[in-house]
C-alpha cells in the first residue's frame, strides 16, 4: 500500500482574472522508503503539488477536486487542527530558501526544540538534548556552538542542514524537499544529497523530491514524474526515463541536462522538430505541439506512462 496517494488533484488560484489552474488533474503515489522525484520548469506546478499535500495555501488558493491520502487518512478534507498534528510530525517539508524559512530572532536550539515540544510532548531539557543529536546526525561541525547560533550567523549550507535537522527531528514518515539545494554551491549540494540519501536508508523515510535539475534527480529518485502546465506528461522508474524518454518535453529536459557544447549552432526549432519526428511513427503529440497537453495516458513500458493523443497513434 502506498504511504501517500494523490488522485486527480486540482489546485486552483481564484484571481480577479479568473481561475489559475496551478495543478490540473495530477495523480501519483509514494511508497514507503522510496523517493519520488517531480521535475519540470518554473511554473509547471511541481511546488504547488507539494504544498497541496499539507494544504499550505495562499488565501485565494484551494483544492477544487481530487483526494490526497496519507496512510489511509484523507488529508484533502482534513481540518486545520488535525493537519497541524501531521505537519512537521508525520510529514515534514524542507523549503527552497532556508534563510527565509528560519526565524531570525530565535536560536537554532529554540527552533528545533519548539518542534519537539509541540509534536512530541518533550520537556525543554529533553528537546534540547534531541536538538543536539539532530545537528550531529546531519554532520554539522561544532554542533554545540551552532545550537546557540542565530540564522544570520550561518552559511547557506549550514542553514540548509539545520532545516533538514528540524524536518527530521520527529522522525517523519514522509519528507517533502522543494528545491532543497538550489541556492547551494556544488560541493555543499553533493553533501546535502548524500545526507538525505543516508537518512532515507537509515530511517526508511519516504521522500518527495522536487527540482528542475535532472542531474539531481538522477542521484536521488527511484521513480520520477515530469510536469508541464500543471499536468503530468510522463511518469516512469528513473532508469527507464533516462534510457528511453518518450514525451517531447521530457526529451528537451534531458537534452538540456546532457548538452555540453555551449557553442552548438543547432537552432532550437530544429531540436524541437527532431524530438517530435523520432516518435511520430508511434505516438501522436499533436495537442502538445499546439501548446496543450495530450489527453490520453498510456503505458509504453513496465510502469512507464506518457500523455499522448490516441487518435493517429499506432499504440
C-alpha atoms as a PDB file:
ATOM      1  CA  UNK A   1       0.000   0.000   0.000  1.00  0.00           C
ATOM      2  CA  UNK A   2       1.264   3.474  -0.879  1.00  0.00           C
ATOM      3  CA  UNK A   3       2.081   5.795   2.006  1.00  0.00           C
ATOM      4  CA  UNK A   4       0.883   8.882   0.104  1.00  0.00           C
ATOM      5  CA  UNK A   5      -1.626   8.670  -2.717  1.00  0.00           C
ATOM      6  CA  UNK A   6      -2.769  11.637  -4.805  1.00  0.00           C
ATOM      7  CA  UNK A   7      -5.741  11.138  -7.126  1.00  0.00           C
ATOM      8  CA  UNK A   8      -6.956  13.597  -9.769  1.00  0.00           C
ATOM      9  CA  UNK A   9      -5.755  16.633  -7.806  1.00  0.00           C
ATOM     10  CA  UNK A  10      -6.943  20.068  -8.951  1.00  0.00           C
ATOM     11  CA  UNK A  11      -5.493  23.030  -7.023  1.00  0.00           C
ATOM     12  CA  UNK A  12      -6.511  26.454  -8.317  1.00  0.00           C
ATOM     13  CA  UNK A  13      -5.925  30.119  -7.506  1.00  0.00           C
ATOM     14  CA  UNK A  14      -9.022  32.340  -7.609  1.00  0.00           C
ATOM     15  CA  UNK A  15      -7.915  35.680  -9.074  1.00  0.00           C
ATOM     16  CA  UNK A  16      -9.691  38.762 -10.434  1.00  0.00           C
ATOM     17  CA  UNK A  17      -8.842  37.461 -13.907  1.00  0.00           C
ATOM     18  CA  UNK A  18     -10.373  34.049 -13.231  1.00  0.00           C
ATOM     19  CA  UNK A  19      -9.105  30.669 -12.044  1.00  0.00           C
ATOM     20  CA  UNK A  20      -5.420  29.805 -12.428  1.00  0.00           C
ATOM     21  CA  UNK A  21      -5.100  26.032 -12.657  1.00  0.00           C
ATOM     22  CA  UNK A  22      -1.764  25.523 -10.896  1.00  0.00           C
ATOM     23  CA  UNK A  23      -2.327  21.764 -10.527  1.00  0.00           C
ATOM     24  CA  UNK A  24      -4.751  20.278 -13.035  1.00  0.00           C
ATOM     25  CA  UNK A  25      -5.625  16.599 -12.614  1.00  0.00           C
ATOM     26  CA  UNK A  26      -2.452  15.153 -11.082  1.00  0.00           C
ATOM     27  CA  UNK A  27      -2.252  11.572  -9.765  1.00  0.00           C
ATOM     28  CA  UNK A  28       0.699   9.701  -8.232  1.00  0.00           C
ATOM     29  CA  UNK A  29       1.745   7.572  -5.250  1.00  0.00           C
ATOM     30  CA  UNK A  30       4.757   7.467  -2.946  1.00  0.00           C
ATOM     31  CA  UNK A  31       5.667   4.106  -1.408  1.00  0.00           C
ATOM     32  CA  UNK A  32       7.346   3.709   1.961  1.00  0.00           C
ATOM     33  CA  UNK A  33      11.130   4.037   1.875  1.00  0.00           C
ATOM     34  CA  UNK A  34      11.226   5.267  -1.728  1.00  0.00           C
ATOM     35  CA  UNK A  35      11.943   8.604  -3.366  1.00  0.00           C
ATOM     36  CA  UNK A  36       9.627  10.089  -5.971  1.00  0.00           C
ATOM     37  CA  UNK A  37      11.111  12.921  -7.994  1.00  0.00           C
ATOM     38  CA  UNK A  38       8.959  15.673  -9.507  1.00  0.00           C
ATOM     39  CA  UNK A  39      10.673  17.606 -12.297  1.00  0.00           C
ATOM     40  CA  UNK A  40       9.620  20.438 -14.545  1.00  0.00           C
ATOM     41  CA  UNK A  41      10.379  24.031 -15.393  1.00  0.00           C
ATOM     42  CA  UNK A  42       9.307  27.008 -13.253  1.00  0.00           C
ATOM     43  CA  UNK A  43       5.529  27.312 -13.275  1.00  0.00           C
ATOM     44  CA  UNK A  44       4.924  23.660 -14.139  1.00  0.00           C
ATOM     45  CA  UNK A  45       3.011  23.065 -10.885  1.00  0.00           C
ATOM     46  CA  UNK A  46       5.518  20.917  -9.039  1.00  0.00           C
ATOM     47  CA  UNK A  47       5.831  23.107  -5.911  1.00  0.00           C
ATOM     48  CA  UNK A  48       2.076  23.717  -5.734  1.00  0.00           C
ATOM     49  CA  UNK A  49       1.555  19.952  -5.879  1.00  0.00           C
ATOM     50  CA  UNK A  50       3.776  19.605  -2.807  1.00  0.00           C
ATOM     51  CA  UNK A  51       2.069  22.490  -0.990  1.00  0.00           C
ATOM     52  CA  UNK A  52      -1.291  20.844  -1.657  1.00  0.00           C
ATOM     53  CA  UNK A  53      -0.317  17.747   0.328  1.00  0.00           C
ATOM     54  CA  UNK A  54      -0.092  19.779   3.553  1.00  0.00           C
ATOM     55  CA  UNK A  55      -2.576  22.444   2.384  1.00  0.00           C
ATOM     56  CA  UNK A  56      -0.030  25.232   2.812  1.00  0.00           C
ATOM     57  CA  UNK A  57      -2.084  27.632   0.746  1.00  0.00           C
ATOM     58  CA  UNK A  58      -2.416  31.308  -0.045  1.00  0.00           C
ATOM     59  CA  UNK A  59      -5.744  32.911   0.942  1.00  0.00           C
ATOM     60  CA  UNK A  60      -7.073  32.655  -2.639  1.00  0.00           C
ATOM     61  CA  UNK A  61      -5.981  29.067  -3.193  1.00  0.00           C
ATOM     62  CA  UNK A  62      -7.757  25.776  -2.543  1.00  0.00           C
ATOM     63  CA  UNK A  63      -8.278  22.202  -3.720  1.00  0.00           C
ATOM     64  CA  UNK A  64     -11.183  22.187  -6.158  1.00  0.00           C
ATOM     65  CA  UNK A  65     -11.244  18.451  -6.816  1.00  0.00           C
ATOM     66  CA  UNK A  66      -9.367  15.232  -6.093  1.00  0.00           C
ATOM     67  CA  UNK A  67      -8.110  13.466  -2.976  1.00  0.00           C
ATOM     68  CA  UNK A  68      -4.834  13.202  -1.062  1.00  0.00           C
ATOM     69  CA  UNK A  69      -4.439  10.343   1.403  1.00  0.00           C
ATOM     70  CA  UNK A  70      -1.654   9.618   3.876  1.00  0.00           C
ATOM     71  CA  UNK A  71      -1.567   6.172   5.460  1.00  0.00           C
ATOM     72  CA  UNK A  72      -5.308   5.831   4.891  1.00  0.00           C
ATOM     73  CA  UNK A  73      -6.177   9.322   6.207  1.00  0.00           C
ATOM     74  CA  UNK A  74      -7.661  11.788   3.728  1.00  0.00           C
ATOM     75  CA  UNK A  75      -5.631  14.981   4.046  1.00  0.00           C
ATOM     76  CA  UNK A  76      -7.522  16.917   1.377  1.00  0.00           C
ATOM     77  CA  UNK A  77     -10.682  17.115   3.508  1.00  0.00           C
ATOM     78  CA  UNK A  78      -8.958  17.383   6.896  1.00  0.00           C
ATOM     79  CA  UNK A  79      -9.488  20.467   9.079  1.00  0.00           C
ATOM     80  CA  UNK A  80      -6.640  22.767  10.099  1.00  0.00           C
ATOM     81  CA  UNK A  81      -6.404  21.484  13.676  1.00  0.00           C
ATOM     82  CA  UNK A  82      -5.978  17.890  12.507  1.00  0.00           C
ATOM     83  CA  UNK A  83      -3.461  18.887   9.837  1.00  0.00           C
ATOM     84  CA  UNK A  84      -1.298  20.670  12.412  1.00  0.00           C
ATOM     85  CA  UNK A  85      -0.790  17.335  14.175  1.00  0.00           C
ATOM     86  CA  UNK A  86       0.575  15.841  10.944  1.00  0.00           C
ATOM     87  CA  UNK A  87       2.668  18.767   9.655  1.00  0.00           C
ATOM     88  CA  UNK A  88       6.201  18.571  10.997  1.00  0.00           C
ATOM     89  CA  UNK A  89       5.442  15.295  12.744  1.00  0.00           C
ATOM     90  CA  UNK A  90       4.408  12.612  10.233  1.00  0.00           C
ATOM     91  CA  UNK A  91       5.090  14.733   7.128  1.00  0.00           C
ATOM     92  CA  UNK A  92       7.848  17.346   7.116  1.00  0.00           C
ATOM     93  CA  UNK A  93       8.950  19.816   4.464  1.00  0.00           C
ATOM     94  CA  UNK A  94      12.285  21.345   3.524  1.00  0.00           C
ATOM     95  CA  UNK A  95      11.690  24.648   1.779  1.00  0.00           C
ATOM     96  CA  UNK A  96      13.641  26.167  -1.080  1.00  0.00           C
ATOM     97  CA  UNK A  97      15.136  29.112   0.851  1.00  0.00           C
ATOM     98  CA  UNK A  98      16.408  28.162   4.326  1.00  0.00           C
ATOM     99  CA  UNK A  99      17.367  31.740   5.195  1.00  0.00           C
ATOM    100  CA  UNK A 100      13.750  32.861   4.828  1.00  0.00           C
ATOM    101  CA  UNK A 101      12.304  29.724   6.469  1.00  0.00           C
ATOM    102  CA  UNK A 102      14.261  30.053   9.726  1.00  0.00           C
ATOM    103  CA  UNK A 103      13.063  32.653  12.227  1.00  0.00           C
ATOM    104  CA  UNK A 104      15.810  35.310  12.535  1.00  0.00           C
ATOM    105  CA  UNK A 105      15.041  36.221  16.174  1.00  0.00           C
ATOM    106  CA  UNK A 106      15.354  32.722  17.669  1.00  0.00           C
ATOM    107  CA  UNK A 107      18.387  30.481  18.065  1.00  0.00           C
ATOM    108  CA  UNK A 108      18.677  27.160  16.279  1.00  0.00           C
ATOM    109  CA  UNK A 109      18.070  25.420  19.614  1.00  0.00           C
ATOM    110  CA  UNK A 110      14.822  27.319  20.181  1.00  0.00           C
ATOM    111  CA  UNK A 111      13.507  26.482  16.736  1.00  0.00           C
ATOM    112  CA  UNK A 112      14.262  22.751  16.732  1.00  0.00           C
ATOM    113  CA  UNK A 113      13.155  22.393  20.355  1.00  0.00           C
ATOM    114  CA  UNK A 114       9.795  24.001  19.641  1.00  0.00           C
ATOM    115  CA  UNK A 115       9.014  21.350  17.017  1.00  0.00           C
ATOM    116  CA  UNK A 116       9.829  18.594  19.508  1.00  0.00           C
ATOM    117  CA  UNK A 117       7.876  20.116  22.394  1.00  0.00           C
ATOM    118  CA  UNK A 118       4.784  20.747  20.259  1.00  0.00           C
ATOM    119  CA  UNK A 119       4.679  17.435  18.371  1.00  0.00           C
ATOM    120  CA  UNK A 120       6.439  15.003  20.710  1.00  0.00           C
ATOM    121  CA  UNK A 121       5.462  16.476  24.091  1.00  0.00           C
ATOM    122  CA  UNK A 122       9.084  16.673  25.232  1.00  0.00           C
ATOM    123  CA  UNK A 123      10.279  18.823  28.112  1.00  0.00           C
ATOM    124  CA  UNK A 124      12.608  21.717  27.343  1.00  0.00           C
ATOM    125  CA  UNK A 125      15.603  19.708  28.570  1.00  0.00           C
ATOM    126  CA  UNK A 126      14.676  16.634  26.521  1.00  0.00           C
ATOM    127  CA  UNK A 127      14.080  18.760  23.430  1.00  0.00           C
ATOM    128  CA  UNK A 128      17.457  20.497  23.823  1.00  0.00           C
ATOM    129  CA  UNK A 129      19.244  17.149  24.042  1.00  0.00           C
ATOM    130  CA  UNK A 130      17.394  15.824  20.986  1.00  0.00           C
ATOM    131  CA  UNK A 131      18.176  19.037  19.060  1.00  0.00           C
ATOM    132  CA  UNK A 132      21.882  18.477  19.630  1.00  0.00           C
ATOM    133  CA  UNK A 133      21.555  14.872  18.480  1.00  0.00           C
ATOM    134  CA  UNK A 134      19.847  16.028  15.273  1.00  0.00           C
ATOM    135  CA  UNK A 135      22.606  18.527  14.470  1.00  0.00           C
ATOM    136  CA  UNK A 136      25.123  15.732  14.969  1.00  0.00           C
ATOM    137  CA  UNK A 137      23.046  13.465  12.700  1.00  0.00           C
ATOM    138  CA  UNK A 138      23.249  15.980   9.833  1.00  0.00           C
ATOM    139  CA  UNK A 139      27.017  16.239  10.389  1.00  0.00           C
ATOM    140  CA  UNK A 140      27.209  19.885  11.423  1.00  0.00           C
ATOM    141  CA  UNK A 141      30.694  20.756  12.736  1.00  0.00           C
ATOM    142  CA  UNK A 142      30.751  22.056  16.326  1.00  0.00           C
ATOM    143  CA  UNK A 143      27.036  21.383  16.895  1.00  0.00           C
ATOM    144  CA  UNK A 144      27.001  22.801  20.434  1.00  0.00           C
ATOM    145  CA  UNK A 145      28.052  26.203  19.120  1.00  0.00           C
ATOM    146  CA  UNK A 146      25.597  26.082  16.215  1.00  0.00           C
ATOM    147  CA  UNK A 147      22.793  25.209  18.643  1.00  0.00           C
ATOM    148  CA  UNK A 148      23.239  28.622  20.298  1.00  0.00           C
ATOM    149  CA  UNK A 149      23.607  30.483  16.983  1.00  0.00           C
ATOM    150  CA  UNK A 150      21.087  32.660  15.147  1.00  0.00           C
ATOM    151  CA  UNK A 151      20.246  32.070  11.452  1.00  0.00           C
ATOM    152  CA  UNK A 152      22.188  35.130  10.248  1.00  0.00           C
ATOM    153  CA  UNK A 153      25.350  33.605  11.720  1.00  0.00           C
ATOM    154  CA  UNK A 154      25.093  30.534   9.491  1.00  0.00           C
ATOM    155  CA  UNK A 155      26.177  29.916   5.904  1.00  0.00           C
ATOM    156  CA  UNK A 156      23.673  28.765   3.279  1.00  0.00           C
ATOM    157  CA  UNK A 157      24.813  25.157   3.509  1.00  0.00           C
ATOM    158  CA  UNK A 158      24.723  25.228   7.306  1.00  0.00           C
ATOM    159  CA  UNK A 159      21.230  26.747   7.290  1.00  0.00           C
ATOM    160  CA  UNK A 160      20.010  24.003   4.972  1.00  0.00           C
ATOM    161  CA  UNK A 161      21.451  21.337   7.274  1.00  0.00           C
ATOM    162  CA  UNK A 162      19.618  22.967  10.191  1.00  0.00           C
ATOM    163  CA  UNK A 163      16.390  22.874   8.159  1.00  0.00           C
ATOM    164  CA  UNK A 164      16.925  19.188   7.428  1.00  0.00           C
ATOM    165  CA  UNK A 165      17.643  18.505  11.125  1.00  0.00           C
ATOM    166  CA  UNK A 166      14.436  20.322  12.066  1.00  0.00           C
ATOM    167  CA  UNK A 167      12.434  18.465   9.425  1.00  0.00           C
ATOM    168  CA  UNK A 168      13.706  15.079  10.615  1.00  0.00           C
ATOM    169  CA  UNK A 169      13.573  15.781  14.354  1.00  0.00           C
ATOM    170  CA  UNK A 170      10.264  13.948  14.810  1.00  0.00           C
ATOM    171  CA  UNK A 171      11.291  11.026  12.561  1.00  0.00           C
ATOM    172  CA  UNK A 172       8.664  11.822   9.890  1.00  0.00           C
ATOM    173  CA  UNK A 173       7.488   9.077   7.628  1.00  0.00           C
ATOM    174  CA  UNK A 174       7.463  11.443   4.636  1.00  0.00           C
ATOM    175  CA  UNK A 175       9.905  14.218   3.793  1.00  0.00           C
ATOM    176  CA  UNK A 176       8.951  16.759   1.119  1.00  0.00           C
ATOM    177  CA  UNK A 177      12.022  18.537  -0.267  1.00  0.00           C
ATOM    178  CA  UNK A 178      11.244  21.522  -2.502  1.00  0.00           C
ATOM    179  CA  UNK A 179      14.384  22.516  -4.445  1.00  0.00           C
ATOM    180  CA  UNK A 180      16.489  21.980  -1.276  1.00  0.00           C
ATOM    181  CA  UNK A 181      19.862  22.546  -2.978  1.00  0.00           C
ATOM    182  CA  UNK A 182      19.051  25.346  -5.437  1.00  0.00           C
ATOM    183  CA  UNK A 183      20.986  28.129  -3.663  1.00  0.00           C
ATOM    184  CA  UNK A 184      23.984  25.984  -2.690  1.00  0.00           C
ATOM    185  CA  UNK A 185      27.344  25.530  -4.391  1.00  0.00           C
ATOM    186  CA  UNK A 186      28.044  22.154  -5.982  1.00  0.00           C
ATOM    187  CA  UNK A 187      30.206  20.817  -3.138  1.00  0.00           C
ATOM    188  CA  UNK A 188      27.639  21.631  -0.442  1.00  0.00           C
ATOM    189  CA  UNK A 189      24.892  20.363  -2.771  1.00  0.00           C
ATOM    190  CA  UNK A 190      26.586  16.979  -3.062  1.00  0.00           C
ATOM    191  CA  UNK A 191      26.945  16.787   0.736  1.00  0.00           C
ATOM    192  CA  UNK A 192      23.237  17.582   1.254  1.00  0.00           C
ATOM    193  CA  UNK A 193      22.114  14.980  -1.297  1.00  0.00           C
ATOM    194  CA  UNK A 194      24.307  12.314   0.283  1.00  0.00           C
ATOM    195  CA  UNK A 195      22.976  13.246   3.710  1.00  0.00           C
ATOM    196  CA  UNK A 196      19.359  12.875   2.566  1.00  0.00           C
ATOM    197  CA  UNK A 197      20.050   9.508   0.949  1.00  0.00           C
ATOM    198  CA  UNK A 198      21.818   8.307   4.119  1.00  0.00           C
ATOM    199  CA  UNK A 199      18.900   9.382   6.294  1.00  0.00           C
ATOM    200  CA  UNK A 200      16.428   7.725   3.927  1.00  0.00           C
ATOM    201  CA  UNK A 201      18.412   4.489   4.195  1.00  0.00           C
ATOM    202  CA  UNK A 202      18.758   4.640   7.982  1.00  0.00           C
ATOM    203  CA  UNK A 203      15.208   5.776   8.837  1.00  0.00           C
ATOM    204  CA  UNK A 204      13.263   4.270   5.866  1.00  0.00           C
ATOM    205  CA  UNK A 205      11.840   7.726   5.165  1.00  0.00           C
ATOM    206  CA  UNK A 206       9.805   8.303   2.010  1.00  0.00           C
ATOM    207  CA  UNK A 207      10.919  11.393   0.081  1.00  0.00           C
ATOM    208  CA  UNK A 208       9.079  13.598  -2.389  1.00  0.00           C
ATOM    209  CA  UNK A 209      11.922  15.458  -4.112  1.00  0.00           C
ATOM    210  CA  UNK A 210      11.049  18.489  -6.242  1.00  0.00           C
ATOM    211  CA  UNK A 211      13.535  20.068  -8.635  1.00  0.00           C
ATOM    212  CA  UNK A 212      14.094  21.365 -12.151  1.00  0.00           C
ATOM    213  CA  UNK A 213      17.518  19.659 -12.204  1.00  0.00           C
ATOM    214  CA  UNK A 214      17.590  16.196 -13.791  1.00  0.00           C
ATOM    215  CA  UNK A 215      21.169  15.729 -12.608  1.00  0.00           C
ATOM    216  CA  UNK A 216      19.979  15.921  -9.008  1.00  0.00           C
ATOM    217  CA  UNK A 217      17.014  13.652  -9.719  1.00  0.00           C
ATOM    218  CA  UNK A 218      19.313  11.010 -11.213  1.00  0.00           C
ATOM    219  CA  UNK A 219      21.114  10.804  -7.848  1.00  0.00           C
ATOM    220  CA  UNK A 220      18.037  10.879  -5.630  1.00  0.00           C
ATOM    221  CA  UNK A 221      14.935   9.320  -7.154  1.00  0.00           C
ATOM    222  CA  UNK A 222      13.644   5.779  -7.557  1.00  0.00           C
ATOM    223  CA  UNK A 223      10.742   6.984  -9.691  1.00  0.00           C
ATOM    224  CA  UNK A 224      10.035  10.292 -11.402  1.00  0.00           C
ATOM    225  CA  UNK A 225       7.100  12.265 -12.767  1.00  0.00           C
ATOM    226  CA  UNK A 226       7.551  15.072 -15.305  1.00  0.00           C
ATOM    227  CA  UNK A 227       5.172  18.032 -15.017  1.00  0.00           C
ATOM    228  CA  UNK A 228       4.244  20.644 -17.587  1.00  0.00           C
ATOM    229  CA  UNK A 229       1.433  23.188 -17.398  1.00  0.00           C
ATOM    230  CA  UNK A 230       0.019  21.779 -14.166  1.00  0.00           C
ATOM    231  CA  UNK A 231      -0.216  18.225 -15.533  1.00  0.00           C
ATOM    232  CA  UNK A 232       1.954  15.099 -15.604  1.00  0.00           C
ATOM    233  CA  UNK A 233       3.224  14.338 -19.116  1.00  0.00           C
ATOM    234  CA  UNK A 234       5.425  11.332 -18.281  1.00  0.00           C
ATOM    235  CA  UNK A 235       5.952   9.006 -15.305  1.00  0.00           C
ATOM    236  CA  UNK A 236       8.495   6.201 -15.029  1.00  0.00           C
ATOM    237  CA  UNK A 237      11.164   4.492 -12.934  1.00  0.00           C
ATOM    238  CA  UNK A 238      14.253   6.717 -13.084  1.00  0.00           C
ATOM    239  CA  UNK A 239      16.367   4.302 -15.162  1.00  0.00           C
ATOM    240  CA  UNK A 240      13.584   3.812 -17.688  1.00  0.00           C
ATOM    241  CA  UNK A 241      13.088   7.558 -18.077  1.00  0.00           C
ATOM    242  CA  UNK A 242      16.748   8.226 -18.812  1.00  0.00           C
ATOM    243  CA  UNK A 243      17.136   5.150 -21.012  1.00  0.00           C
ATOM    244  CA  UNK A 244      14.153   5.929 -23.243  1.00  0.00           C
ATOM    245  CA  UNK A 245      12.143   9.103 -22.655  1.00  0.00           C
ATOM    246  CA  UNK A 246       9.040   9.302 -24.835  1.00  0.00           C
ATOM    247  CA  UNK A 247       7.435  12.705 -24.374  1.00  0.00           C
ATOM    248  CA  UNK A 248       8.977  15.608 -26.341  1.00  0.00           C
ATOM    249  CA  UNK A 249       9.073  17.786 -23.220  1.00  0.00           C
ATOM    250  CA  UNK A 250      10.968  15.123 -21.252  1.00  0.00           C
ATOM    251  CA  UNK A 251      13.422  14.796 -24.145  1.00  0.00           C
ATOM    252  CA  UNK A 252      14.032  18.533 -24.099  1.00  0.00           C
ATOM    253  CA  UNK A 253      14.737  18.464 -20.341  1.00  0.00           C
ATOM    254  CA  UNK A 254      17.183  15.594 -20.742  1.00  0.00           C
ATOM    255  CA  UNK A 255      18.830  17.225 -23.757  1.00  0.00           C
ATOM    256  CA  UNK A 256      19.334  20.405 -21.742  1.00  0.00           C
ATOM    257  CA  UNK A 257      20.892  18.362 -18.931  1.00  0.00           C
ATOM    258  CA  UNK A 258      23.190  16.399 -21.245  1.00  0.00           C
ATOM    259  CA  UNK A 259      24.125  19.294 -23.515  1.00  0.00           C
ATOM    260  CA  UNK A 260      27.803  20.186 -23.001  1.00  0.00           C
ATOM    261  CA  UNK A 261      28.676  22.009 -26.209  1.00  0.00           C
ATOM    262  CA  UNK A 262      27.956  25.660 -25.407  1.00  0.00           C
ATOM    263  CA  UNK A 263      28.969  26.629 -28.943  1.00  0.00           C
ATOM    264  CA  UNK A 264      26.354  24.497 -30.670  1.00  0.00           C
ATOM    265  CA  UNK A 265      24.751  26.246 -33.628  1.00  0.00           C
ATOM    266  CA  UNK A 266      21.749  23.977 -33.953  1.00  0.00           C
ATOM    267  CA  UNK A 267      18.614  26.089 -33.808  1.00  0.00           C
ATOM    268  CA  UNK A 268      16.070  25.489 -31.037  1.00  0.00           C
ATOM    269  CA  UNK A 269      13.358  24.998 -33.684  1.00  0.00           C
ATOM    270  CA  UNK A 270      15.369  22.189 -35.301  1.00  0.00           C
ATOM    271  CA  UNK A 271      15.897  20.480 -31.945  1.00  0.00           C
ATOM    272  CA  UNK A 272      12.159  20.554 -31.238  1.00  0.00           C
ATOM    273  CA  UNK A 273      11.326  19.080 -34.648  1.00  0.00           C
ATOM    274  CA  UNK A 274      13.891  16.304 -34.109  1.00  0.00           C
ATOM    275  CA  UNK A 275      12.235  15.305 -30.842  1.00  0.00           C
ATOM    276  CA  UNK A 276       8.799  15.043 -32.459  1.00  0.00           C
ATOM    277  CA  UNK A 277       9.923  13.219 -35.590  1.00  0.00           C
ATOM    278  CA  UNK A 278      11.559  10.404 -33.617  1.00  0.00           C
ATOM    279  CA  UNK A 279       8.199   9.438 -32.116  1.00  0.00           C
ATOM    280  CA  UNK A 280       5.703  10.435 -34.793  1.00  0.00           C
ATOM    281  CA  UNK A 281       5.523   6.936 -36.244  1.00  0.00           C
ATOM    282  CA  UNK A 282       4.174   5.558 -32.969  1.00  0.00           C
ATOM    283  CA  UNK A 283       2.753   8.383 -30.834  1.00  0.00           C
ATOM    284  CA  UNK A 284       0.719  11.483 -31.515  1.00  0.00           C
ATOM    285  CA  UNK A 285       1.683  14.624 -29.539  1.00  0.00           C
ATOM    286  CA  UNK A 286      -0.384  16.988 -31.666  1.00  0.00           C
ATOM    287  CA  UNK A 287      -2.066  18.740 -28.719  1.00  0.00           C
ATOM    288  CA  UNK A 288       1.270  19.364 -27.020  1.00  0.00           C
ATOM    289  CA  UNK A 289       2.662  20.820 -30.247  1.00  0.00           C
ATOM    290  CA  UNK A 290      -0.157  23.359 -30.158  1.00  0.00           C
ATOM    291  CA  UNK A 291       0.633  24.349 -26.560  1.00  0.00           C
ATOM    292  CA  UNK A 292      -1.694  21.969 -24.668  1.00  0.00           C
ATOM    293  CA  UNK A 293      -1.421  18.556 -23.026  1.00  0.00           C
ATOM    294  CA  UNK A 294      -2.456  15.415 -24.886  1.00  0.00           C
ATOM    295  CA  UNK A 295      -5.456  13.802 -23.147  1.00  0.00           C
ATOM    296  CA  UNK A 296      -4.669  10.073 -23.149  1.00  0.00           C
ATOM    297  CA  UNK A 297      -2.462   8.295 -20.605  1.00  0.00           C
ATOM    298  CA  UNK A 298      -0.874   5.100 -21.935  1.00  0.00           C
ATOM    299  CA  UNK A 299       1.685   2.606 -20.644  1.00  0.00           C
ATOM    300  CA  UNK A 300       4.605   2.414 -23.083  1.00  0.00           C
ATOM    301  CA  UNK A 301       6.738   0.090 -20.946  1.00  0.00           C
ATOM    302  CA  UNK A 302       6.519  -1.512 -17.486  1.00  0.00           C
ATOM    303  CA  UNK A 303       5.322   1.254 -15.120  1.00  0.00           C
ATOM    304  CA  UNK A 304       6.301   3.831 -17.764  1.00  0.00           C
ATOM    305  CA  UNK A 305       3.408   6.098 -18.770  1.00  0.00           C
ATOM    306  CA  UNK A 306       3.157   9.048 -21.152  1.00  0.00           C
ATOM    307  CA  UNK A 307       0.485  11.579 -22.160  1.00  0.00           C
ATOM    308  CA  UNK A 308      -0.397  11.203 -25.864  1.00  0.00           C
ATOM    309  CA  UNK A 309      -3.359  11.554 -28.212  1.00  0.00           C
ATOM    310  CA  UNK A 310      -4.581   8.092 -29.193  1.00  0.00           C
ATOM    311  CA  UNK A 311      -6.034   9.432 -32.418  1.00  0.00           C
ATOM    312  CA  UNK A 312      -3.345   8.904 -35.028  1.00  0.00           C
ATOM    313  CA  UNK A 313      -1.192   6.695 -32.783  1.00  0.00           C
ATOM    314  CA  UNK A 314      -0.415   3.061 -33.501  1.00  0.00           C
ATOM    315  CA  UNK A 315      -0.494   2.151 -29.800  1.00  0.00           C
END
